[in-house]
Protein backbone atom coordinates (compact mmCIF):
# COMPACT_ATOMS: atom_id res chain seq x y z
CA UNK A 1 -5.52 -13.26 -7.25
CA UNK A 2 -8.27 -15.50 -5.89
CA UNK A 3 -8.98 -13.35 -2.92
CA UNK A 4 -10.50 -10.55 -5.01
CA UNK A 5 -13.79 -12.33 -4.84
CA UNK A 6 -13.93 -12.01 -1.13
CA UNK A 7 -13.18 -8.22 -1.50
CA UNK A 8 -15.76 -7.89 -4.30
CA UNK A 9 -18.49 -9.36 -1.84
CA UNK A 10 -17.90 -6.47 0.51
CA UNK A 11 -16.95 -3.53 -1.72
CA UNK A 12 -18.56 -2.16 -4.91
CA UNK A 13 -16.35 -1.35 -8.00
CA UNK A 14 -14.25 1.80 -7.59
CA UNK A 15 -15.97 3.39 -10.64
CA UNK A 16 -19.35 3.23 -8.88
CA UNK A 17 -18.28 4.32 -5.35
CA UNK A 18 -15.88 7.16 -4.85
CA UNK A 19 -15.56 6.37 -1.01
CA UNK A 20 -16.42 3.14 0.67
CA UNK A 21 -15.46 1.52 3.95
CA UNK A 22 -14.86 -1.99 5.41
CA UNK A 23 -14.81 -3.24 8.97
CA UNK A 24 -14.15 -6.95 9.25
CA UNK A 25 -11.76 -9.76 10.18
CA UNK A 26 -12.02 -11.72 6.80
CA UNK A 27 -9.71 -9.64 4.75
CA UNK A 28 -6.07 -8.69 4.73
CA UNK A 29 -4.67 -5.30 3.50
CA UNK A 30 -2.93 -7.24 0.63
CA UNK A 31 -6.40 -8.46 -0.49
CA UNK A 32 -7.64 -4.89 -0.73
CA UNK A 33 -4.52 -3.70 -2.45
CA UNK A 34 -4.94 -6.51 -5.15
CA UNK A 35 -8.44 -5.82 -5.66
CA UNK A 36 -7.79 -2.09 -6.09
CA UNK A 37 -4.87 -2.58 -8.46
CA UNK A 38 -6.97 -4.91 -10.70
CA UNK A 39 -9.39 -1.98 -11.12
CA UNK A 40 -6.78 0.73 -11.53
CA UNK A 41 -4.68 -1.00 -14.14
CA UNK A 42 -0.83 -1.50 -14.12
CA UNK A 43 -0.02 0.61 -11.05
CA UNK A 44 2.75 2.18 -9.05
CA UNK A 45 2.30 2.01 -5.20
CA UNK A 46 3.35 4.38 -2.43
CA UNK A 47 2.73 2.59 0.80
CA UNK A 48 3.14 3.94 4.30
CA UNK A 49 2.98 1.75 7.40
CA UNK A 50 4.45 1.37 10.83
CA UNK A 51 5.87 -1.93 9.91
CA UNK A 52 5.99 -4.74 7.29
CA UNK A 53 6.06 -8.48 7.43
CA UNK A 54 7.21 -11.30 5.11
CA UNK A 55 3.84 -12.44 4.18
CA UNK A 56 2.82 -8.98 2.89
CA UNK A 57 5.98 -8.62 1.01
CA UNK A 58 5.46 -11.97 -0.66
CA UNK A 59 1.95 -10.83 -1.89
CA UNK A 60 3.48 -7.62 -3.14
CA UNK A 61 6.19 -9.59 -4.95
CA UNK A 62 3.47 -11.72 -6.66
CA UNK A 63 1.75 -8.58 -7.86
CA UNK A 64 4.98 -7.23 -9.18
CA UNK A 65 5.81 -10.55 -10.86
CA UNK A 66 2.34 -10.52 -12.51
CA UNK A 67 3.15 -7.15 -14.10
CA UNK A 68 0.19 -5.41 -12.45
CA UNK A 69 2.57 -3.44 -10.06
CA UNK A 70 5.52 -1.76 -11.91
CA UNK A 71 6.93 0.27 -9.00
CA UNK A 72 6.60 0.57 -5.20
CA UNK A 73 7.84 3.09 -2.77
CA UNK A 74 7.53 2.02 0.99
CA UNK A 75 7.71 4.32 4.01
CA UNK A 76 8.15 2.73 7.39
CA UNK A 77 8.54 3.84 11.00
CA UNK A 78 12.23 4.17 12.09
CA UNK A 79 11.65 2.21 15.32
CA UNK A 80 9.95 -0.61 13.47
CA UNK A 81 12.79 -0.96 11.08
CA UNK A 82 14.74 -2.86 13.73
CA UNK A 83 12.39 -5.77 13.12
CA UNK A 84 11.80 -5.08 9.49
CA UNK A 85 15.46 -4.64 8.78
CA UNK A 86 15.67 -8.47 9.05
CA UNK A 87 13.80 -8.49 5.70
CA UNK A 88 16.05 -5.97 4.05
CA UNK A 89 17.12 -8.29 1.04
CA UNK A 90 13.46 -8.99 0.37
CA UNK A 91 12.68 -5.30 0.65
CA UNK A 92 15.28 -4.61 -1.93
CA UNK A 93 13.76 -7.19 -4.35
CA UNK A 94 10.18 -5.99 -4.00
CA UNK A 95 10.49 -2.19 -3.66
CA UNK A 96 12.16 0.58 -5.62
CA UNK A 97 12.76 2.76 -2.53
CA UNK A 98 12.39 2.43 1.23
CA UNK A 99 12.17 5.35 3.44
CA UNK A 100 12.08 5.50 7.22
CA UNK A 101 10.37 8.34 9.27
CA UNK A 102 8.41 8.86 12.40
CA UNK A 103 5.44 7.21 10.83
CA UNK A 104 2.35 5.53 12.09
CA UNK A 105 0.18 6.07 9.05
CA UNK A 106 -1.28 3.08 7.10
CA UNK A 107 -1.90 4.30 3.64
CA UNK A 108 -1.58 2.96 0.12
CA UNK A 109 -1.71 5.23 -2.90
CA UNK A 110 -2.52 3.25 -6.14
CA UNK A 111 -1.63 5.20 -9.23
CA UNK A 112 -2.83 3.12 -12.16
CA UNK A 113 -3.02 3.33 -15.84
CA UNK A 114 -6.75 3.58 -15.78
CA UNK A 115 -7.49 5.43 -12.56
CA UNK A 116 -5.96 6.35 -9.07
CA UNK A 117 -7.20 5.25 -5.64
CA UNK A 118 -6.11 5.35 -2.06
CA UNK A 119 -6.60 2.90 0.82
CA UNK A 120 -6.58 4.25 4.37
CA UNK A 121 -6.53 1.27 6.90
CA UNK A 122 -5.95 0.46 10.51
CA UNK A 123 -3.81 -2.52 9.43
CA UNK A 124 0.10 -2.60 9.26
CA UNK A 125 1.72 -4.40 6.36
CA UNK A 126 1.67 -7.58 8.52
CA UNK A 127 -0.59 -10.58 8.73
CA UNK A 128 -3.25 -10.01 11.14
CA UNK A 129 -6.20 -12.10 12.31
CA UNK A 130 -8.02 -9.23 13.84
CA UNK A 131 -10.86 -6.94 12.89
CA UNK A 132 -9.55 -4.10 10.75
CA UNK A 133 -11.19 -1.00 9.41
CA UNK A 134 -10.47 0.78 6.26
CA UNK A 135 -11.64 3.16 3.52
CA UNK A 136 -11.03 2.92 -0.29
CA UNK A 137 -11.26 6.16 -2.01
CA UNK A 138 -11.29 6.89 -5.74
CA UNK A 139 -12.41 10.55 -5.51
CA UNK A 140 -9.90 12.57 -7.45
CA UNK A 141 -9.57 15.48 -4.91
CA UNK A 142 -9.23 13.13 -1.96
CA UNK A 143 -6.65 11.00 -3.69
CA UNK A 144 -4.71 14.26 -4.56
CA UNK A 145 -4.75 15.24 -0.95
CA UNK A 146 -3.34 11.88 0.08
CA UNK A 147 -0.72 12.18 -2.61
CA UNK A 148 0.43 15.51 -1.21
CA UNK A 149 0.55 14.10 2.29
CA UNK A 150 2.59 11.26 1.17
CA UNK A 151 4.97 13.51 -0.77
CA UNK A 152 5.39 15.66 2.32
CA UNK A 153 6.21 12.45 4.45
CA UNK A 154 8.69 11.22 1.85
CA UNK A 155 10.49 14.57 1.80
CA UNK A 156 10.83 14.35 5.70
CA UNK A 157 12.05 10.86 5.47
CA UNK A 158 15.43 9.18 5.17
CA UNK A 159 16.06 7.00 2.18
CA UNK A 160 17.52 3.62 3.43
CA UNK A 161 17.52 1.65 0.14
CA UNK A 162 16.70 2.30 -3.33
CA UNK A 163 17.67 4.03 -6.54
CA UNK A 164 16.33 7.60 -5.92
CA UNK A 165 16.16 10.19 -3.20
CA UNK A 166 13.18 12.53 -2.66
CA UNK A 167 10.10 12.20 -4.77
CA UNK A 168 9.88 11.64 -8.53
């Protein structure tokens, strides 16, 4: 959880900024997620991305192991699952449900015990050493709009592993 300081150097607390952006090569999406979860409280995540990698899944596992994330739904692109499928045992361990769809979005919905937020980013759930852009949103109406969009995407997706079909 040591990377939260690097995020805090670039972003203000969610309670003081309903919408803020970042554009840099010094952060990973997992850093932003961790920082957001720490402010939102114990959280359930809904994450959409084109693909996911082992390093990201390890960071997510650590958040779950710490008790700060108590649930995670992942939506990946059907084509990218050929590569990500190699990580299926790890996906089963880290997520509650994995869906596939025609998906290129990169969005994280953080629904916490204290507040909810959304992260919209250019980065896949993979390790990248490139400049990435993103937006962290805590505005209630905007987060609701993202929640509705993710629900629609899930409803058009195919469940490939997990304990539930459709949305909760």
